[in-house]
Amino acid sequence: MADEDNNGDSDELQQEIIQKRIAKYDSGAADLERVTDYAEEKEITSSDGFSCALSLIGDRRNKEAAEKIAREKELQKISIKKEDVDLIMKEMEINRNKAERTLREHNGNVVEALVTLTN
């Protein structure tokens, strides 16, 4: 009967050791799960930041394009003389579009346009 008690105690001891090992494994698995969850959250956050940055860049480009179109419309409203364009083309040896653009940027002032083109 004493042998059975010793065997019972050793069986209980072995069961406790097995339970501790299982608990240790389970806690390790739980720790690993937390790490992978954190990594997944970090990836999600990174992709959110990336898409946010892309939308900011897109918004900025759209704003710049709208400003450029508005600037072009304002320049087209400025009246310039054909003789002034011809003078700038002849003196600076540039094409008509460049001469007209420079003249419009300087509100039709020939002297300012020529000074800008020479600098």
PDB file of N, CA and C in Angstrom:
ATOM      1  N   MET A   1       0.813  -1.172   0.000  1.00  0.00           N
ATOM      2  CA  MET A   1       0.000   0.000   0.000  1.00  0.00           C
ATOM      3  C   MET A   1       0.864   1.245   0.000  1.00  0.00           C
ATOM      4  N   ALA A   2       2.026   1.165   0.662  1.00  0.00           N
ATOM      5  CA  ALA A   2       2.945   2.287   0.700  1.00  0.00           C
ATOM      6  C   ALA A   2       3.509   2.542  -0.681  1.00  0.00           C
ATOM      7  N   ASP A   3       3.725   1.447  -1.445  1.00  0.00           N
ATOM      8  CA  ASP A   3       4.226   1.606  -2.802  1.00  0.00           C
ATOM      9  C   ASP A   3       3.217   2.341  -3.676  1.00  0.00           C
ATOM     10  N   GLU A   4       1.936   2.040  -3.461  1.00  0.00           N
ATOM     11  CA  GLU A   4       0.907   2.710  -4.231  1.00  0.00           C
ATOM     12  C   GLU A   4       0.877   4.194  -3.911  1.00  0.00           C
ATOM     13  N   ASP A   5       1.110   4.562  -2.647  1.00  0.00           N
ATOM     14  CA  ASP A   5       1.141   5.970  -2.268  1.00  0.00           C
ATOM     15  C   ASP A   5       2.324   6.664  -2.922  1.00  0.00           C
ATOM     16  N   ASN A   6       3.489   5.989  -2.952  1.00  0.00           N
ATOM     17  CA  ASN A   6       4.660   6.572  -3.601  1.00  0.00           C
ATOM     18  C   ASN A   6       4.398   6.751  -5.095  1.00  0.00           C
ATOM     19  N   ASN A   7       3.813   5.743  -5.718  1.00  0.00           N
ATOM     20  CA  ASN A   7       3.491   5.843  -7.136  1.00  0.00           C
ATOM     21  C   ASN A   7       2.455   6.934  -7.374  1.00  0.00           C
ATOM     22  N   GLY A   8       1.483   7.040  -6.483  1.00  0.00           N
ATOM     23  CA  GLY A   8       0.462   8.073  -6.596  1.00  0.00           C
ATOM     24  C   GLY A   8       1.087   9.445  -6.472  1.00  0.00           C
ATOM     25  N   ASP A   9       2.038   9.599  -5.521  1.00  0.00           N
ATOM     26  CA  ASP A   9       2.716  10.880  -5.347  1.00  0.00           C
ATOM     27  C   ASP A   9       3.569  11.212  -6.567  1.00  0.00           C
ATOM     28  N   SER A  10       4.280  10.209  -7.092  1.00  0.00           N
ATOM     29  CA  SER A  10       5.128  10.469  -8.251  1.00  0.00           C
ATOM     30  C   SER A  10       4.275  10.765  -9.486  1.00  0.00           C
ATOM     31  N   ASP A  11       3.125  10.100  -9.599  1.00  0.00           N
ATOM     32  CA  ASP A  11       2.218  10.398 -10.710  1.00  0.00           C
ATOM     33  C   ASP A  11       1.702  11.830 -10.607  1.00  0.00           C
ATOM     34  N   GLU A  12       1.348  12.217  -9.386  1.00  0.00           N
ATOM     35  CA  GLU A  12       0.872  13.586  -9.180  1.00  0.00           C
ATOM     36  C   GLU A  12       1.978  14.586  -9.497  1.00  0.00           C
ATOM     37  N   LEU A  13       3.201  14.264  -9.084  1.00  0.00           N
ATOM     38  CA  LEU A  13       4.344  15.135  -9.344  1.00  0.00           C
ATOM     39  C   LEU A  13       4.589  15.252 -10.848  1.00  0.00           C
ATOM     40  N   GLN A  14       4.506  14.139 -11.544  1.00  0.00           N
ATOM     41  CA  GLN A  14       4.682  14.164 -12.992  1.00  0.00           C
ATOM     42  C   GLN A  14       3.566  14.956 -13.667  1.00  0.00           C
ATOM     43  N   GLN A  15       2.356  14.800 -13.177  1.00  0.00           N
ATOM     44  CA  GLN A  15       1.231  15.557 -13.724  1.00  0.00           C
ATOM     45  C   GLN A  15       1.447  17.058 -13.528  1.00  0.00           C
ATOM     46  N   GLU A  16       1.952  17.438 -12.341  1.00  0.00           N
ATOM     47  CA  GLU A  16       2.225  18.856 -12.070  1.00  0.00           C
ATOM     48  C   GLU A  16       3.292  19.388 -13.018  1.00  0.00           C
ATOM     49  N   ILE A  17       4.329  18.605 -13.237  1.00  0.00           N
ATOM     50  CA  ILE A  17       5.404  19.016 -14.144  1.00  0.00           C
ATOM     51  C   ILE A  17       4.854  19.179 -15.557  1.00  0.00           C
ATOM     52  N   ILE A  18       4.036  18.238 -15.978  1.00  0.00           N
ATOM     53  CA  ILE A  18       3.438  18.319 -17.312  1.00  0.00           C
ATOM     54  C   ILE A  18       2.541  19.550 -17.413  1.00  0.00           C
ATOM     55  N   GLN A  19       1.745  19.801 -16.369  1.00  0.00           N
ATOM     56  CA  GLN A  19       0.862  20.970 -16.370  1.00  0.00           C
ATOM     57  C   GLN A  19       1.672  22.266 -16.450  1.00  0.00           C
ATOM     58  N   LYS A  20       2.803  22.324 -15.714  1.00  0.00           N
ATOM     59  CA  LYS A  20       3.654  23.523 -15.750  1.00  0.00           C
ATOM     60  C   LYS A  20       4.233  23.725 -17.147  1.00  0.00           C
ATOM     61  N   ARG A  21       4.649  22.626 -17.768  1.00  0.00           N
ATOM     62  CA  ARG A  21       5.193  22.736 -19.124  1.00  0.00           C
ATOM     63  C   ARG A  21       4.124  23.231 -20.100  1.00  0.00           C
ATOM     64  N   ILE A  22       2.927  22.695 -19.976  1.00  0.00           N
ATOM     65  CA  ILE A  22       1.827  23.115 -20.847  1.00  0.00           C
ATOM     66  C   ILE A  22       1.512  24.585 -20.617  1.00  0.00           C
ATOM     67  N   ALA A  23       1.478  24.997 -19.343  1.00  0.00           N
ATOM     68  CA  ALA A  23       1.192  26.400 -19.022  1.00  0.00           C
ATOM     69  C   ALA A  23       2.284  27.302 -19.584  1.00  0.00           C
ATOM     70  N   LYS A  24       3.543  26.834 -19.479  1.00  0.00           N
ATOM     71  CA  LYS A  24       4.659  27.617 -20.008  1.00  0.00           C
ATOM     72  C   LYS A  24       4.536  27.744 -21.529  1.00  0.00           C
ATOM     73  N   TYR A  25       4.169  26.656 -22.178  1.00  0.00           N
ATOM     74  CA  TYR A  25       3.976  26.683 -23.626  1.00  0.00           C
ATOM     75  C   TYR A  25       2.833  27.620 -23.995  1.00  0.00           C
ATOM     76  N   ASP A  26       1.736  27.520 -23.263  1.00  0.00           N
ATOM     77  CA  ASP A  26       0.575  28.376 -23.538  1.00  0.00           C
ATOM     78  C   ASP A  26       0.917  29.848 -23.349  1.00  0.00           C
ATOM     79  N   SER A  27       1.688  30.161 -22.308  1.00  0.00           N
ATOM     80  CA  SER A  27       2.044  31.570 -22.093  1.00  0.00           C
ATOM     81  C   SER A  27       2.987  32.048 -23.194  1.00  0.00           C
ATOM     82  N   GLY A  28       3.875  31.174 -23.645  1.00  0.00           N
ATOM     83  CA  GLY A  28       4.762  31.535 -24.754  1.00  0.00           C
ATOM     84  C   GLY A  28       3.976  31.767 -26.031  1.00  0.00           C
ATOM     85  N   ALA A  29       2.983  30.929 -26.264  1.00  0.00           N
ATOM     86  CA  ALA A  29       2.136  31.095 -27.447  1.00  0.00           C
ATOM     87  C   ALA A  29       1.334  32.389 -27.347  1.00  0.00           C
ATOM     88  N   ALA A  30       0.861  32.703 -26.148  1.00  0.00           N
ATOM     89  CA  ALA A  30       0.107  33.944 -25.951  1.00  0.00           C
ATOM     90  C   ALA A  30       1.005  35.151 -26.186  1.00  0.00           C
ATOM     91  N   ASP A  31       2.255  35.068 -25.685  1.00  0.00           N
ATOM     92  CA  ASP A  31       3.200  36.166 -25.913  1.00  0.00           C
ATOM     93  C   ASP A  31       3.464  36.345 -27.406  1.00  0.00           C
ATOM     94  N   LEU A  32       3.644  35.246 -28.102  1.00  0.00           N
ATOM     95  CA  LEU A  32       3.874  35.300 -29.540  1.00  0.00           C
ATOM     96  C   LEU A  32       2.672  35.908 -30.255  1.00  0.00           C
ATOM     97  N   GLU A  33       1.480  35.556 -29.824  1.00  0.00           N
ATOM     98  CA  GLU A  33       0.259  36.106 -30.421  1.00  0.00           C
ATOM     99  C   GLU A  33       0.195  37.611 -30.213  1.00  0.00           C
ATOM    100  N   ARG A  34       0.581  38.084 -29.025  1.00  0.00           N
ATOM    101  CA  ARG A  34       0.581  39.521 -28.758  1.00  0.00           C
ATOM    102  C   ARG A  34       1.576  40.241 -29.662  1.00  0.00           C
ATOM    103  N   VAL A  35       2.741  39.632 -29.862  1.00  0.00           N
ATOM    104  CA  VAL A  35       3.757  40.246 -30.719  1.00  0.00           C
ATOM    105  C   VAL A  35       3.252  40.332 -32.154  1.00  0.00           C
ATOM    106  N   THR A  36       2.653  39.257 -32.651  1.00  0.00           N
ATOM    107  CA  THR A  36       2.160  39.289 -34.022  1.00  0.00           C
ATOM    108  C   THR A  36       0.999  40.262 -34.161  1.00  0.00           C
ATOM    109  N   ASP A  37       0.151  40.358 -33.136  1.00  0.00           N
ATOM    110  CA  ASP A  37      -0.933  41.347 -33.176  1.00  0.00           C
ATOM    111  C   ASP A  37      -0.359  42.748 -33.257  1.00  0.00           C
ATOM    112  N   TYR A  38       0.676  43.017 -32.474  1.00  0.00           N
ATOM    113  CA  TYR A  38       1.311  44.338 -32.484  1.00  0.00           C
ATOM    114  C   TYR A  38       1.905  44.625 -33.859  1.00  0.00           C
ATOM    115  N   ALA A  39       2.561  43.622 -34.443  1.00  0.00           N
ATOM    116  CA  ALA A  39       3.166  43.811 -35.765  1.00  0.00           C
ATOM    117  C   ALA A  39       2.084  44.076 -36.809  1.00  0.00           C
ATOM    118  N   GLU A  40       0.973  43.370 -36.727  1.00  0.00           N
ATOM    119  CA  GLU A  40      -0.117  43.591 -37.678  1.00  0.00           C
ATOM    120  C   GLU A  40      -0.709  44.983 -37.516  1.00  0.00           C
ATOM    121  N   GLU A  41      -0.884  45.431 -36.268  1.00  0.00           N
ATOM    122  CA  GLU A  41      -1.394  46.779 -36.026  1.00  0.00           C
ATOM    123  C   GLU A  41      -0.439  47.820 -36.584  1.00  0.00           C
ATOM    124  N   LYS A  42       0.857  47.562 -36.409  1.00  0.00           N
ATOM    125  CA  LYS A  42       1.858  48.493 -36.910  1.00  0.00           C
ATOM    126  C   LYS A  42       1.795  48.568 -38.431  1.00  0.00           C
ATOM    127  N   GLU A  43       1.611  47.420 -39.098  1.00  0.00           N
ATOM    128  CA  GLU A  43       1.488  47.407 -40.550  1.00  0.00           C
ATOM    129  C   GLU A  43       0.255  48.170 -40.992  1.00  0.00           C
ATOM    130  N   ILE A  44      -0.847  47.977 -40.296  1.00  0.00           N
ATOM    131  CA  ILE A  44      -2.081  48.685 -40.641  1.00  0.00           C
ATOM    132  C   ILE A  44      -1.882  50.181 -40.466  1.00  0.00           C
ATOM    133  N   THR A  45      -1.257  50.577 -39.369  1.00  0.00           N
ATOM    134  CA  THR A  45      -0.998  51.986 -39.120  1.00  0.00           C
ATOM    135  C   THR A  45      -0.087  52.556 -40.197  1.00  0.00           C
ATOM    136  N   SER A  46       0.919  51.789 -40.594  1.00  0.00           N
ATOM    137  CA  SER A  46       1.836  52.253 -41.629  1.00  0.00           C
ATOM    138  C   SER A  46       1.105  52.462 -42.947  1.00  0.00           C
ATOM    139  N   SER A  47       0.229  51.555 -43.304  1.00  0.00           N
ATOM    140  CA  SER A  47      -0.492  51.706 -44.568  1.00  0.00           C
ATOM    141  C   SER A  47      -1.469  52.870 -44.487  1.00  0.00           C
ATOM    142  N   ASP A  48      -2.043  53.120 -43.310  1.00  0.00           N
ATOM    143  CA  ASP A  48      -2.917  54.283 -43.146  1.00  0.00           C
ATOM    144  C   ASP A  48      -2.115  55.560 -43.337  1.00  0.00           C
ATOM    145  N   GLY A  49      -0.922  55.604 -42.780  1.00  0.00           N
ATOM    146  CA  GLY A  49      -0.063  56.775 -42.940  1.00  0.00           C
ATOM    147  C   GLY A  49       0.330  56.978 -44.387  1.00  0.00           C
ATOM    148  N   PHE A  50       0.578  55.881 -45.072  1.00  0.00           N
ATOM    149  CA  PHE A  50       0.955  55.953 -46.481  1.00  0.00           C
ATOM    150  C   PHE A  50      -0.190  56.501 -47.323  1.00  0.00           C
ATOM    151  N   SER A  51      -1.388  55.983 -47.102  1.00  0.00           N
ATOM    152  CA  SER A  51      -2.532  56.466 -47.885  1.00  0.00           C
ATOM    153  C   SER A  51      -2.855  57.910 -47.536  1.00  0.00           C
ATOM    154  N   CYS A  52      -2.644  58.279 -46.283  1.00  0.00           N
ATOM    155  CA  CYS A  52      -2.865  59.676 -45.878  1.00  0.00           C
ATOM    156  C   CYS A  52      -1.861  60.584 -46.590  1.00  0.00           C
ATOM    157  N   ALA A  53      -0.614  60.149 -46.659  1.00  0.00           N
ATOM    158  CA  ALA A  53       0.412  60.939 -47.342  1.00  0.00           C
ATOM    159  C   ALA A  53       0.092  61.074 -48.830  1.00  0.00           C
ATOM    160  N   LEU A  54      -0.369  59.983 -49.432  1.00  0.00           N
ATOM    161  CA  LEU A  54      -0.737  60.041 -50.847  1.00  0.00           C
ATOM    162  C   LEU A  54      -1.886  61.010 -51.086  1.00  0.00           C
ATOM    163  N   SER A  55      -2.863  61.001 -50.195  1.00  0.00           N
ATOM    164  CA  SER A  55      -3.991  61.924 -50.378  1.00  0.00           C
ATOM    165  C   SER A  55      -3.536  63.369 -50.198  1.00  0.00           C
ATOM    166  N   LEU A  56      -2.607  63.608 -49.261  1.00  0.00           N
ATOM    167  CA  LEU A  56      -2.080  64.962 -49.083  1.00  0.00           C
ATOM    168  C   LEU A  56      -1.330  65.429 -50.327  1.00  0.00           C
ATOM    169  N   ILE A  57      -0.533  64.541 -50.889  1.00  0.00           N
ATOM    170  CA  ILE A  57       0.212  64.887 -52.104  1.00  0.00           C
ATOM    171  C   ILE A  57      -0.756  65.157 -53.252  1.00  0.00           C
ATOM    172  N   GLY A  58      -1.770  64.312 -53.385  1.00  0.00           N
ATOM    173  CA  GLY A  58      -2.770  64.513 -54.437  1.00  0.00           C
ATOM    174  C   GLY A  58      -3.509  65.831 -54.271  1.00  0.00           C
ATOM    175  N   ASP A  59      -3.872  66.152 -53.026  1.00  0.00           N
ATOM    176  CA  ASP A  59      -4.552  67.428 -52.765  1.00  0.00           C
ATOM    177  C   ASP A  59      -3.657  68.605 -53.121  1.00  0.00           C
ATOM    178  N   ARG A  60      -2.386  68.498 -52.763  1.00  0.00           N
ATOM    179  CA  ARG A  60      -1.443  69.584 -53.048  1.00  0.00           C
ATOM    180  C   ARG A  60      -1.273  69.768 -54.554  1.00  0.00           C
ATOM    181  N   ARG A  61      -1.176  68.661 -55.281  1.00  0.00           N
ATOM    182  CA  ARG A  61      -1.043  68.744 -56.745  1.00  0.00           C
ATOM    183  C   ARG A  61      -2.279  69.381 -57.368  1.00  0.00           C
ATOM    184  N   ASN A  62      -3.444  68.982 -56.888  1.00  0.00           N
ATOM    185  CA  ASN A  62      -4.684  69.561 -57.422  1.00  0.00           C
ATOM    186  C   ASN A  62      -4.749  71.053 -57.142  1.00  0.00           C
ATOM    187  N   LYS A  63      -4.325  71.438 -55.956  1.00  0.00           N
ATOM    188  CA  LYS A  63      -4.337  72.856 -55.588  1.00  0.00           C
ATOM    189  C   LYS A  63      -3.374  73.644 -56.472  1.00  0.00           C
ATOM    190  N   GLU A  64      -2.172  73.095 -56.674  1.00  0.00           N
ATOM    191  CA  GLU A  64      -1.186  73.770 -57.522  1.00  0.00           C
ATOM    192  C   GLU A  64      -1.681  73.874 -58.964  1.00  0.00           C
ATOM    193  N   ALA A  65      -2.324  72.828 -59.453  1.00  0.00           N
ATOM    194  CA  ALA A  65      -2.853  72.852 -60.821  1.00  0.00           C
ATOM    195  C   ALA A  65      -3.947  73.908 -60.952  1.00  0.00           C
ATOM    196  N   ALA A  66      -4.804  74.007 -59.943  1.00  0.00           N
ATOM    197  CA  ALA A  66      -5.873  75.012 -59.974  1.00  0.00           C
ATOM    198  C   ALA A  66      -5.285  76.421 -59.941  1.00  0.00           C
ATOM    199  N   GLU A  67      -4.240  76.615 -59.115  1.00  0.00           N
ATOM    200  CA  GLU A  67      -3.583  77.924 -59.051  1.00  0.00           C
ATOM    201  C   GLU A  67      -2.927  78.269 -60.385  1.00  0.00           C
ATOM    202  N   LYS A  68      -2.327  77.276 -61.024  1.00  0.00           N
ATOM    203  CA  LYS A  68      -1.676  77.501 -62.313  1.00  0.00           C
ATOM    204  C   LYS A  68      -2.702  77.896 -63.374  1.00  0.00           C
ATOM    205  N   ILE A  69      -3.831  77.219 -63.384  1.00  0.00           N
ATOM    206  CA  ILE A  69      -4.893  77.549 -64.346  1.00  0.00           C
ATOM    207  C   ILE A  69      -5.419  78.953 -64.096  1.00  0.00           C
ATOM    208  N   ALA A  70      -5.608  79.298 -62.825  1.00  0.00           N
ATOM    209  CA  ALA A  70      -6.090  80.645 -62.484  1.00  0.00           C
ATOM    210  C   ALA A  70      -5.077  81.696 -62.925  1.00  0.00           C
ATOM    211  N   ARG A  71      -3.786  81.416 -62.725  1.00  0.00           N
ATOM    212  CA  ARG A  71      -2.724  82.347 -63.135  1.00  0.00           C
ATOM    213  C   ARG A  71      -2.733  82.530 -64.649  1.00  0.00           C
ATOM    214  N   GLU A  72      -2.893  81.435 -65.391  1.00  0.00           N
ATOM    215  CA  GLU A  72      -2.936  81.511 -66.857  1.00  0.00           C
ATOM    216  C   GLU A  72      -4.126  82.346 -67.327  1.00  0.00           C
ATOM    217  N   LYS A  73      -5.264  82.187 -66.666  1.00  0.00           N
ATOM    218  CA  LYS A  73      -6.444  82.983 -67.038  1.00  0.00           C
ATOM    219  C   LYS A  73      -6.200  84.466 -66.790  1.00  0.00           C
ATOM    220  N   GLU A  74      -5.547  84.773 -65.671  1.00  0.00           N
ATOM    221  CA  GLU A  74      -5.237  86.177 -65.360  1.00  0.00           C
ATOM    222  C   GLU A  74      -4.273  86.760 -66.389  1.00  0.00           C
ATOM    223  N   LEU A  75      -3.281  85.974 -66.788  1.00  0.00           N
ATOM    224  CA  LEU A  75      -2.322  86.449 -67.788  1.00  0.00           C
ATOM    225  C   LEU A  75      -2.999  86.672 -69.138  1.00  0.00           C
ATOM    226  N   GLN A  76      -3.966  85.830 -69.479  1.00  0.00           N
ATOM    227  CA  GLN A  76      -4.662  85.983 -70.761  1.00  0.00           C
ATOM    228  C   GLN A  76      -5.513  87.252 -70.804  1.00  0.00           C
ATOM    229  N   LYS A  77      -5.920  87.738 -69.643  1.00  0.00           N
ATOM    230  CA  LYS A  77      -6.742  88.952 -69.585  1.00  0.00           C
ATOM    231  C   LYS A  77      -5.931  90.213 -69.877  1.00  0.00           C
ATOM    232  N   ILE A  78      -4.615  90.133 -69.703  1.00  0.00           N
ATOM    233  CA  ILE A  78      -3.758  91.307 -69.905  1.00  0.00           C
ATOM    234  C   ILE A  78      -3.599  91.556 -71.402  1.00  0.00           C
ATOM    235  N   SER A  79      -3.875  92.787 -71.806  1.00  0.00           N
ATOM    236  CA  SER A  79      -3.746  93.120 -73.232  1.00  0.00           C
ATOM    237  C   SER A  79      -2.318  93.577 -73.525  1.00  0.00           C
ATOM    238  N   ILE A  80      -1.808  93.095 -74.635  1.00  0.00           N
ATOM    239  CA  ILE A  80      -0.455  93.468 -75.060  1.00  0.00           C
ATOM    240  C   ILE A  80      -0.514  93.913 -76.514  1.00  0.00           C
ATOM    241  N   LYS A  81       0.464  94.711 -76.897  1.00  0.00           N
ATOM    242  CA  LYS A  81       0.505  95.218 -78.276  1.00  0.00           C
ATOM    243  C   LYS A  81       1.337  94.281 -79.138  1.00  0.00           C
ATOM    244  N   LYS A  82       0.895  94.118 -80.375  1.00  0.00           N
ATOM    245  CA  LYS A  82       1.607  93.263 -81.321  1.00  0.00           C
ATOM    246  C   LYS A  82       3.002  93.812 -81.593  1.00  0.00           C
ATOM    247  N   GLU A  83       3.127  95.141 -81.648  1.00  0.00           N
ATOM    248  CA  GLU A  83       4.437  95.754 -81.905  1.00  0.00           C
ATOM    249  C   GLU A  83       5.422  95.432 -80.777  1.00  0.00           C
ATOM    250  N   ASP A  84       4.911  95.402 -79.525  1.00  0.00           N
ATOM    251  CA  ASP A  84       5.784  95.084 -78.386  1.00  0.00           C
ATOM    252  C   ASP A  84       6.273  93.640 -78.466  1.00  0.00           C
ATOM    253  N   VAL A  85       5.383  92.742 -78.847  1.00  0.00           N
ATOM    254  CA  VAL A  85       5.762  91.332 -78.990  1.00  0.00           C
ATOM    255  C   VAL A  85       6.801  91.188 -80.091  1.00  0.00           C
ATOM    256  N   ASP A  86       6.578  91.853 -81.225  1.00  0.00           N
ATOM    257  CA  ASP A  86       7.529  91.790 -82.340  1.00  0.00           C
ATOM    258  C   ASP A  86       8.890  92.351 -81.935  1.00  0.00           C
ATOM    259  N   LEU A  87       8.892  93.446 -81.186  1.00  0.00           N
ATOM    260  CA  LEU A  87      10.144  94.047 -80.723  1.00  0.00           C
ATOM    261  C   LEU A  87      10.922  93.073 -79.839  1.00  0.00           C
ATOM    262  N   ILE A  88      10.241  92.462 -78.892  1.00  0.00           N
ATOM    263  CA  ILE A  88      10.908  91.506 -77.986  1.00  0.00           C
ATOM    264  C   ILE A  88      11.418  90.302 -78.770  1.00  0.00           C
ATOM    265  N   MET A  89      10.619  89.809 -79.718  1.00  0.00           N
ATOM    266  CA  MET A  89      11.049  88.670 -80.533  1.00  0.00           C
ATOM    267  C   MET A  89      12.308  89.013 -81.320  1.00  0.00           C
ATOM    268  N   LYS A  90      12.347  90.200 -81.897  1.00  0.00           N
ATOM    269  CA  LYS A  90      13.476  90.620 -82.729  1.00  0.00           C
ATOM    270  C   LYS A  90      14.719  90.850 -81.877  1.00  0.00           C
ATOM    271  N   GLU A  91      14.577  91.573 -80.784  1.00  0.00           N
ATOM    272  CA  GLU A  91      15.733  91.940 -79.966  1.00  0.00           C
ATOM    273  C   GLU A  91      16.309  90.753 -79.190  1.00  0.00           C
ATOM    274  N   MET A  92      15.454  89.911 -78.664  1.00  0.00           N
ATOM    275  CA  MET A  92      15.919  88.812 -77.817  1.00  0.00           C
ATOM    276  C   MET A  92      16.049  87.490 -78.578  1.00  0.00           C
ATOM    277  N   GLU A  93      15.596  87.470 -79.829  1.00  0.00           N
ATOM    278  CA  GLU A  93      15.646  86.277 -80.669  1.00  0.00           C
ATOM    279  C   GLU A  93      14.981  85.076 -79.983  1.00  0.00           C
ATOM    280  N   ILE A  94      13.747  85.291 -79.576  1.00  0.00           N
ATOM    281  CA  ILE A  94      12.964  84.225 -78.942  1.00  0.00           C
ATOM    282  C   ILE A  94      11.666  84.043 -79.722  1.00  0.00           C
ATOM    283  N   ASN A  95      10.960  82.961 -79.454  1.00  0.00           N
ATOM    284  CA  ASN A  95       9.714  82.703 -80.189  1.00  0.00           C
ATOM    285  C   ASN A  95       8.569  83.571 -79.653  1.00  0.00           C
ATOM    286  N   ARG A  96       7.497  83.592 -80.417  1.00  0.00           N
ATOM    287  CA  ARG A  96       6.349  84.452 -80.101  1.00  0.00           C
ATOM    288  C   ARG A  96       5.728  84.094 -78.745  1.00  0.00           C
ATOM    289  N   ASN A  97       5.555  82.812 -78.470  1.00  0.00           N
ATOM    290  CA  ASN A  97       4.928  82.405 -77.206  1.00  0.00           C
ATOM    291  C   ASN A  97       5.713  82.903 -75.997  1.00  0.00           C
ATOM    292  N   LYS A  98       7.030  82.757 -76.041  1.00  0.00           N
ATOM    293  CA  LYS A  98       7.878  83.211 -74.932  1.00  0.00           C
ATOM    294  C   LYS A  98       7.801  84.732 -74.800  1.00  0.00           C
ATOM    295  N   ALA A  99       7.814  85.440 -75.907  1.00  0.00           N
ATOM    296  CA  ALA A  99       7.736  86.905 -75.879  1.00  0.00           C
ATOM    297  C   ALA A  99       6.399  87.366 -75.304  1.00  0.00           C
ATOM    298  N   GLU A 100       5.305  86.746 -75.749  1.00  0.00           N
ATOM    299  CA  GLU A 100       3.983  87.112 -75.239  1.00  0.00           C
ATOM    300  C   GLU A 100       3.867  86.812 -73.749  1.00  0.00           C
ATOM    301  N   ARG A 101       4.339  85.666 -73.352  1.00  0.00           N
ATOM    302  CA  ARG A 101       4.254  85.264 -71.932  1.00  0.00           C
ATOM    303  C   ARG A 101       5.023  86.241 -71.050  1.00  0.00           C
ATOM    304  N   THR A 102       6.244  86.561 -71.436  1.00  0.00           N
ATOM    305  CA  THR A 102       7.060  87.483 -70.643  1.00  0.00           C
ATOM    306  C   THR A 102       6.412  88.857 -70.581  1.00  0.00           C
ATOM    307  N   LEU A 103       5.896  89.308 -71.671  1.00  0.00           N
ATOM    308  CA  LEU A 103       5.231  90.610 -71.714  1.00  0.00           C
ATOM    309  C   LEU A 103       3.976  90.609 -70.834  1.00  0.00           C
ATOM    310  N   ARG A 104       3.211  89.552 -70.864  1.00  0.00           N
ATOM    311  CA  ARG A 104       2.012  89.455 -70.014  1.00  0.00           C
ATOM    312  C   ARG A 104       2.395  89.398 -68.533  1.00  0.00           C
ATOM    313  N   GLU A 105       3.470  88.671 -68.208  1.00  0.00           N
ATOM    314  CA  GLU A 105       3.912  88.582 -66.816  1.00  0.00           C
ATOM    315  C   GLU A 105       4.312  89.944 -66.261  1.00  0.00           C
ATOM    316  N   HIS A 106       4.695  90.860 -67.144  1.00  0.00           N
ATOM    317  CA  HIS A 106       5.098  92.205 -66.722  1.00  0.00           C
ATOM    318  C   HIS A 106       4.043  93.251 -67.086  1.00  0.00           C
ATOM    319  N   ASN A 107       2.803  92.777 -67.202  1.00  0.00           N
ATOM    320  CA  ASN A 107       1.644  93.651 -67.447  1.00  0.00           C
ATOM    321  C   ASN A 107       1.798  94.534 -68.683  1.00  0.00           C
ATOM    322  N   GLY A 108       2.438  94.003 -69.708  1.00  0.00           N
ATOM    323  CA  GLY A 108       2.578  94.739 -70.959  1.00  0.00           C
ATOM    324  C   GLY A 108       3.711  95.749 -70.964  1.00  0.00           C
ATOM    325  N   ASN A 109       4.509  95.822 -69.913  1.00  0.00           N
ATOM    326  CA  ASN A 109       5.626  96.762 -69.834  1.00  0.00           C
ATOM    327  C   ASN A 109       6.818  96.170 -70.584  1.00  0.00           C
ATOM    328  N   VAL A 110       7.157  96.770 -71.721  1.00  0.00           N
ATOM    329  CA  VAL A 110       8.218  96.254 -72.592  1.00  0.00           C
ATOM    330  C   VAL A 110       9.576  96.320 -71.905  1.00  0.00           C
ATOM    331  N   VAL A 111       9.865  97.430 -71.231  1.00  0.00           N
ATOM    332  CA  VAL A 111      11.174  97.611 -70.599  1.00  0.00           C
ATOM    333  C   VAL A 111      11.406  96.537 -69.536  1.00  0.00           C
ATOM    334  N   GLU A 112      10.422  96.310 -68.667  1.00  0.00           N
ATOM    335  CA  GLU A 112      10.567  95.286 -67.621  1.00  0.00           C
ATOM    336  C   GLU A 112      10.736  93.898 -68.232  1.00  0.00           C
ATOM    337  N   ALA A 113       9.990  93.611 -69.279  1.00  0.00           N
ATOM    338  CA  ALA A 113      10.092  92.314 -69.948  1.00  0.00           C
ATOM    339  C   ALA A 113      11.483  92.120 -70.541  1.00  0.00           C
ATOM    340  N   LEU A 114      12.022  93.152 -71.189  1.00  0.00           N
ATOM    341  CA  LEU A 114      13.367  93.057 -71.772  1.00  0.00           C
ATOM    342  C   LEU A 114      14.429  92.895 -70.692  1.00  0.00           C
ATOM    343  N   VAL A 115      14.287  93.626 -69.598  1.00  0.00           N
ATOM    344  CA  VAL A 115      15.257  93.508 -68.497  1.00  0.00           C
ATOM    345  C   VAL A 115      15.237  92.087 -67.935  1.00  0.00           C
ATOM    346  N   THR A 116      14.058  91.538 -67.748  1.00  0.00           N
ATOM    347  CA  THR A 116      13.948  90.171 -67.226  1.00  0.00           C
ATOM    348  C   THR A 116      14.587  89.171 -68.179  1.00  0.00           C
ATOM    349  N   LEU A 117      14.366  89.328 -69.459  1.00  0.00           N
ATOM    350  CA  LEU A 117      14.920  88.396 -70.432  1.00  0.00           C
ATOM    351  C   LEU A 117      16.436  88.513 -70.550  1.00  0.00           C
ATOM    352  N   THR A 118      16.990  89.676 -70.293  1.00  0.00           N
ATOM    353  CA  THR A 118      18.445  89.830 -70.388  1.00  0.00           C
ATOM    354  C   THR A 118      19.150  89.308 -69.147  1.00  0.00           C
ATOM    355  N   ASN A 119      18.459  89.240 -68.045  1.00  0.00           N
ATOM    356  CA  ASN A 119      19.095  88.747 -66.801  1.00  0.00           C
ATOM    357  C   ASN A 119      19.059  87.276 -66.691  1.00  0.00           C
TER     358      ASN A 119
END
